[in-house]
N, C-alpha and C. Protein backbone atom coordinates (compact mmCIF):
# COMPACT_ATOMS: atom_id res chain seq x y z
N MET A 1 -18.30 28.95 33.62
CA MET A 1 -18.18 29.73 34.49
C MET A 1 -18.95 29.08 36.12
N PRO A 2 -18.55 28.28 37.01
CA PRO A 2 -19.55 27.92 37.78
C PRO A 2 -19.96 29.34 39.32
N ARG A 3 -21.36 29.02 38.60
CA ARG A 3 -21.55 30.04 40.17
C ARG A 3 -21.80 29.98 41.44
N THR A 4 -21.13 31.34 41.89
CA THR A 4 -21.26 31.47 43.40
C THR A 4 -23.11 31.67 44.50
N LYS A 5 -22.07 31.08 45.42
CA LYS A 5 -23.12 30.60 46.17
C LYS A 5 -23.82 32.70 47.05
N LYS A 6 -23.03 33.77 46.75
CA LYS A 6 -23.13 34.85 46.86
C LYS A 6 -24.07 35.88 45.93
N THR A 7 -24.39 36.79 47.14
CA THR A 7 -25.63 37.97 46.05
C THR A 7 -25.68 37.67 45.37
N PRO A 8 -25.94 37.70 43.97
CA PRO A 8 -25.94 38.11 42.52
C PRO A 8 -26.10 39.77 42.46
N ASP A 9 -24.99 40.10 42.22
CA ASP A 9 -25.51 41.44 41.44
C ASP A 9 -26.54 41.86 40.54
N PHE A 10 -27.05 42.62 40.17
CA PHE A 10 -28.35 43.28 39.16
C PHE A 10 -27.83 43.28 37.54
N GLU A 11 -26.73 44.19 38.05
CA GLU A 11 -26.04 44.18 36.83
C GLU A 11 -25.51 43.30 36.08
N THR A 12 -24.31 42.49 36.92
CA THR A 12 -23.39 41.92 37.32
C THR A 12 -24.16 40.47 36.10
N SER A 13 -25.18 39.61 36.72
CA SER A 13 -25.97 38.83 36.37
C SER A 13 -26.81 38.87 35.00
N LEU A 14 -26.69 40.53 34.82
CA LEU A 14 -27.87 40.68 33.48
C LEU A 14 -26.49 41.13 32.04
N THR A 15 -25.32 41.30 32.73
CA THR A 15 -24.19 41.41 31.61
C THR A 15 -23.66 39.85 31.53
N GLU A 16 -23.52 39.10 32.18
CA GLU A 16 -23.25 38.27 32.33
C GLU A 16 -24.69 37.44 30.96
N LEU A 17 -25.22 37.61 31.27
CA LEU A 17 -26.29 36.90 30.68
C LEU A 17 -26.66 37.68 29.20
N GLU A 18 -26.47 38.40 28.94
CA GLU A 18 -26.56 39.94 27.51
C GLU A 18 -25.11 38.52 26.80
N GLN A 19 -23.85 38.47 27.53
CA GLN A 19 -22.96 38.28 27.17
C GLN A 19 -23.16 36.49 26.78
N LEU A 20 -23.77 35.64 27.59
CA LEU A 20 -24.11 34.35 27.20
C LEU A 20 -25.00 34.79 26.01
N VAL A 21 -25.71 35.09 25.41
CA VAL A 21 -27.33 34.75 24.02
C VAL A 21 -26.69 35.89 22.99
N ASN A 22 -25.24 36.80 23.44
CA ASN A 22 -24.77 36.85 22.09
C ASN A 22 -24.03 35.27 22.08
N ARG A 23 -22.98 34.80 22.77
CA ARG A 23 -22.26 33.67 22.54
C ARG A 23 -23.35 32.54 21.79
N MET A 24 -24.38 32.22 21.99
CA MET A 24 -25.63 31.54 21.96
C MET A 24 -26.20 31.55 20.13
N GLU A 25 -26.00 32.98 20.50
CA GLU A 25 -26.54 33.55 18.72
C GLU A 25 -26.01 33.03 17.51
N GLN A 26 -24.83 33.09 18.40
CA GLN A 26 -23.43 32.75 16.90
C GLN A 26 -23.92 31.88 15.88
N GLY A 27 -24.23 30.83 16.67
CA GLY A 27 -24.96 29.42 16.35
C GLY A 27 -23.70 28.39 15.70
N ASP A 28 -22.10 29.16 16.98
CA ASP A 28 -21.07 27.67 16.33
C ASP A 28 -21.06 26.99 17.49
N MET A 29 -21.99 27.07 18.42
CA MET A 29 -21.64 26.29 20.07
C MET A 29 -21.92 25.00 19.65
N PRO A 30 -21.01 24.10 20.15
CA PRO A 30 -21.38 22.31 20.24
C PRO A 30 -22.72 22.09 21.31
N LEU A 31 -24.03 21.58 20.86
CA LEU A 31 -24.56 20.87 21.90
C LEU A 31 -24.65 21.14 22.96
N ALA A 32 -23.86 20.37 23.04
CA ALA A 32 -23.73 19.82 25.02
C ALA A 32 -23.03 20.94 25.31
N ASP A 33 -22.42 21.97 24.93
CA ASP A 33 -22.11 23.54 25.34
C ASP A 33 -23.47 24.60 25.07
N ALA A 34 -23.88 24.95 23.95
CA ALA A 34 -25.21 25.10 24.13
C ALA A 34 -26.82 24.71 24.78
N LEU A 35 -26.28 23.34 25.51
CA LEU A 35 -26.80 22.86 26.41
C LEU A 35 -26.77 23.46 27.75
N GLN A 36 -25.46 23.57 28.02
CA GLN A 36 -25.02 24.31 29.65
C GLN A 36 -25.19 25.16 29.46
N ALA A 37 -25.05 26.34 28.96
CA ALA A 37 -25.57 27.57 28.24
C ALA A 37 -26.43 27.90 28.60
N PHE A 38 -27.27 26.90 27.70
CA PHE A 38 -28.79 27.79 28.54
C PHE A 38 -28.94 27.18 29.83
N GLU A 39 -28.62 26.37 30.11
CA GLU A 39 -28.93 26.40 32.04
C GLU A 39 -28.23 27.18 32.37
N GLN A 40 -27.44 27.66 32.27
CA GLN A 40 -26.58 28.97 33.28
C GLN A 40 -27.45 30.84 33.24
N GLY A 41 -28.05 30.68 31.31
CA GLY A 41 -29.48 32.14 31.42
C GLY A 41 -29.38 31.18 31.91
N ILE A 42 -30.65 30.12 31.54
CA ILE A 42 -32.07 30.35 33.12
C ILE A 42 -31.58 30.45 34.05
N ALA A 43 -30.44 30.62 35.06
CA ALA A 43 -29.81 30.26 36.60
C ALA A 43 -30.07 32.36 36.72
N LEU A 44 -28.94 32.97 35.23
CA LEU A 44 -29.12 34.35 35.66
C LEU A 44 -30.25 35.08 35.29
N THR A 45 -30.65 34.30 34.45
CA THR A 45 -32.56 34.80 33.97
C THR A 45 -33.36 35.45 35.82
N ARG A 46 -32.78 33.91 36.05
CA ARG A 46 -33.61 33.70 37.45
C ARG A 46 -33.18 34.29 39.12
N ASP A 47 -31.85 34.87 38.49
CA ASP A 47 -31.42 35.46 39.60
C ASP A 47 -31.83 37.32 39.38
N CYS A 48 -31.74 37.42 38.10
CA CYS A 48 -31.84 39.04 37.97
C CYS A 48 -34.17 39.14 38.40
N GLN A 49 -34.38 38.20 37.64
CA GLN A 49 -36.07 38.37 38.51
C GLN A 49 -36.53 37.68 39.44
N GLY A 50 -35.01 37.54 40.46
CA GLY A 50 -35.14 37.76 42.16
C GLY A 50 -35.33 39.29 42.66
N ILE A 51 -33.47 39.49 42.40
CA ILE A 51 -33.59 40.74 42.28
C ILE A 51 -34.05 41.67 42.32
N LEU A 52 -35.15 41.63 41.08
CA LEU A 52 -36.28 42.75 40.60
C LEU A 52 -37.69 42.75 41.98
N ASP A 53 -37.90 41.23 42.24
CA ASP A 53 -38.91 41.35 42.68
C ASP A 53 -38.82 41.83 44.09
N GLN A 54 -37.32 41.26 44.67
CA GLN A 54 -37.22 42.16 46.39
C GLN A 54 -36.96 43.73 46.03
N ALA A 55 -36.74 44.04 45.07
CA ALA A 55 -36.48 45.38 44.19
C ALA A 55 -38.00 45.95 45.01
N GLU A 56 -38.84 45.37 44.02
CA GLU A 56 -40.23 45.86 43.79
C GLU A 56 -40.90 45.84 45.59
N GLN A 57 -40.43 44.61 46.02
CA GLN A 57 -40.79 44.78 47.19
C GLN A 57 -41.06 45.79 47.93
N LYS A 58 -39.83 46.05 47.85
CA LYS A 58 -38.85 47.71 48.89
C LYS A 58 -39.84 48.29 48.66
N VAL A 59 -39.44 48.45 46.87
CA VAL A 59 -40.60 50.13 46.84
C VAL A 59 -41.79 50.32 47.83
N ARG A 60 -42.95 48.56 47.31
CA ARG A 60 -43.80 49.00 48.09
C ARG A 60 -44.03 49.03 49.31
N MET A 61 -43.52 48.67 49.95
CA MET A 61 -42.53 49.23 51.63
C MET A 61 -42.71 50.15 52.33
N LEU A 62 -42.26 50.71 50.95
CA LEU A 62 -42.11 52.79 51.09
C LEU A 62 -42.99 53.65 51.09
N VAL A 63 -43.49 52.73 49.94
CA VAL A 63 -45.16 53.77 49.64
C VAL A 63 -46.03 53.44 50.34
N GLU A 64 -46.30 52.48 50.71
CA GLU A 64 -47.66 51.71 51.32
C GLU A 64 -47.69 52.92 53.11
N LYS A 65 -49.26 53.24 52.65
CA LYS A 65 -49.23 53.74 54.11
C LYS A 65 -51.47 53.42 54.51
N ASP A 66 -50.94 52.68 55.78
CA ASP A 66 -52.29 52.19 56.05
C ASP A 66 -53.22 51.17 54.72
N GLY A 67 -51.82 49.94 54.97
CA GLY A 67 -52.55 48.82 54.07
C GLY A 67 -52.65 50.17 52.57
N GLU A 68 -52.68 50.70 52.22
CA GLU A 68 -53.05 50.67 50.58
C GLU A 68 -51.89 51.21 50.19
N LEU A 69 -51.36 51.57 48.75
CA LEU A 69 -49.87 51.88 48.05
C LEU A 69 -50.49 53.35 48.26
N GLN A 70 -49.84 54.36 48.12
CA GLN A 70 -49.98 55.58 48.14
C GLN A 70 -48.74 56.16 46.59
N THR A 71 -50.00 57.14 45.62
CA THR A 71 -48.91 57.33 44.27
C THR A 71 -48.04 58.12 45.46
N VAL A 72 -46.90 58.24 45.00
CA VAL A 72 -45.41 59.32 45.06
C VAL A 72 -45.00 59.22 43.57
N PRO A 73 -44.17 60.90 43.76
CA PRO A 73 -43.68 61.08 42.33
C PRO A 73 -42.47 61.46 42.44
N PHE A 74 -42.01 61.18 41.27
CA PHE A 74 -40.27 60.51 41.36
C PHE A 74 -39.34 61.94 41.37
N THR A 75 -40.54 62.98 41.04
CA THR A 75 -39.80 65.02 41.03
C THR A 75 -40.11 65.36 42.30
N ASP A 76 -39.00 66.28 42.93
CA ASP A 76 -39.72 66.37 44.12
C ASP A 76 -40.06 68.21 43.81
N PRO A 77 -41.47 68.07 44.61
CA PRO A 77 -42.15 69.31 44.08
C PRO A 77 -41.65 70.11 44.78
N GLU A 78 -40.49 70.79 44.85
CA GLU A 78 -39.78 71.91 44.97
C GLU A 78 -39.29 72.62 43.65
N ASP A 79 -39.32 71.16 42.88
CA ASP A 79 -39.11 71.46 41.43
C ASP A 79 -40.29 72.46 40.37
N ALA A 80 -41.05 71.78 40.44
CA ALA A 80 -42.18 72.12 40.23
C ALA A 80 -42.78 73.57 39.79
C-alpha cells in the first residue's frame, strides 16, 4: 500500500504501524515482503515522530514567555 504525499494523521499512522508490526511478528512473511514491511514501518515511524515534534514545538511556543518556558498547569485553577 503506497504512502501518499498528504500530511499524515498521527492516529492513522500509529494504527497502521501497529498492524504492520503485528503482521511481521507472526513470522510467516516471505523475506522480500518482510523487508518491504520493515521499510514501510520506518516511514510510518518517521511520520509519527515528525508529528510529535511539530506538536512539541507548538506547545513550547504557546507556553514560552520572554524567551523562557513557563510552567502551565493542565487543570483549571478554578477547579482547585
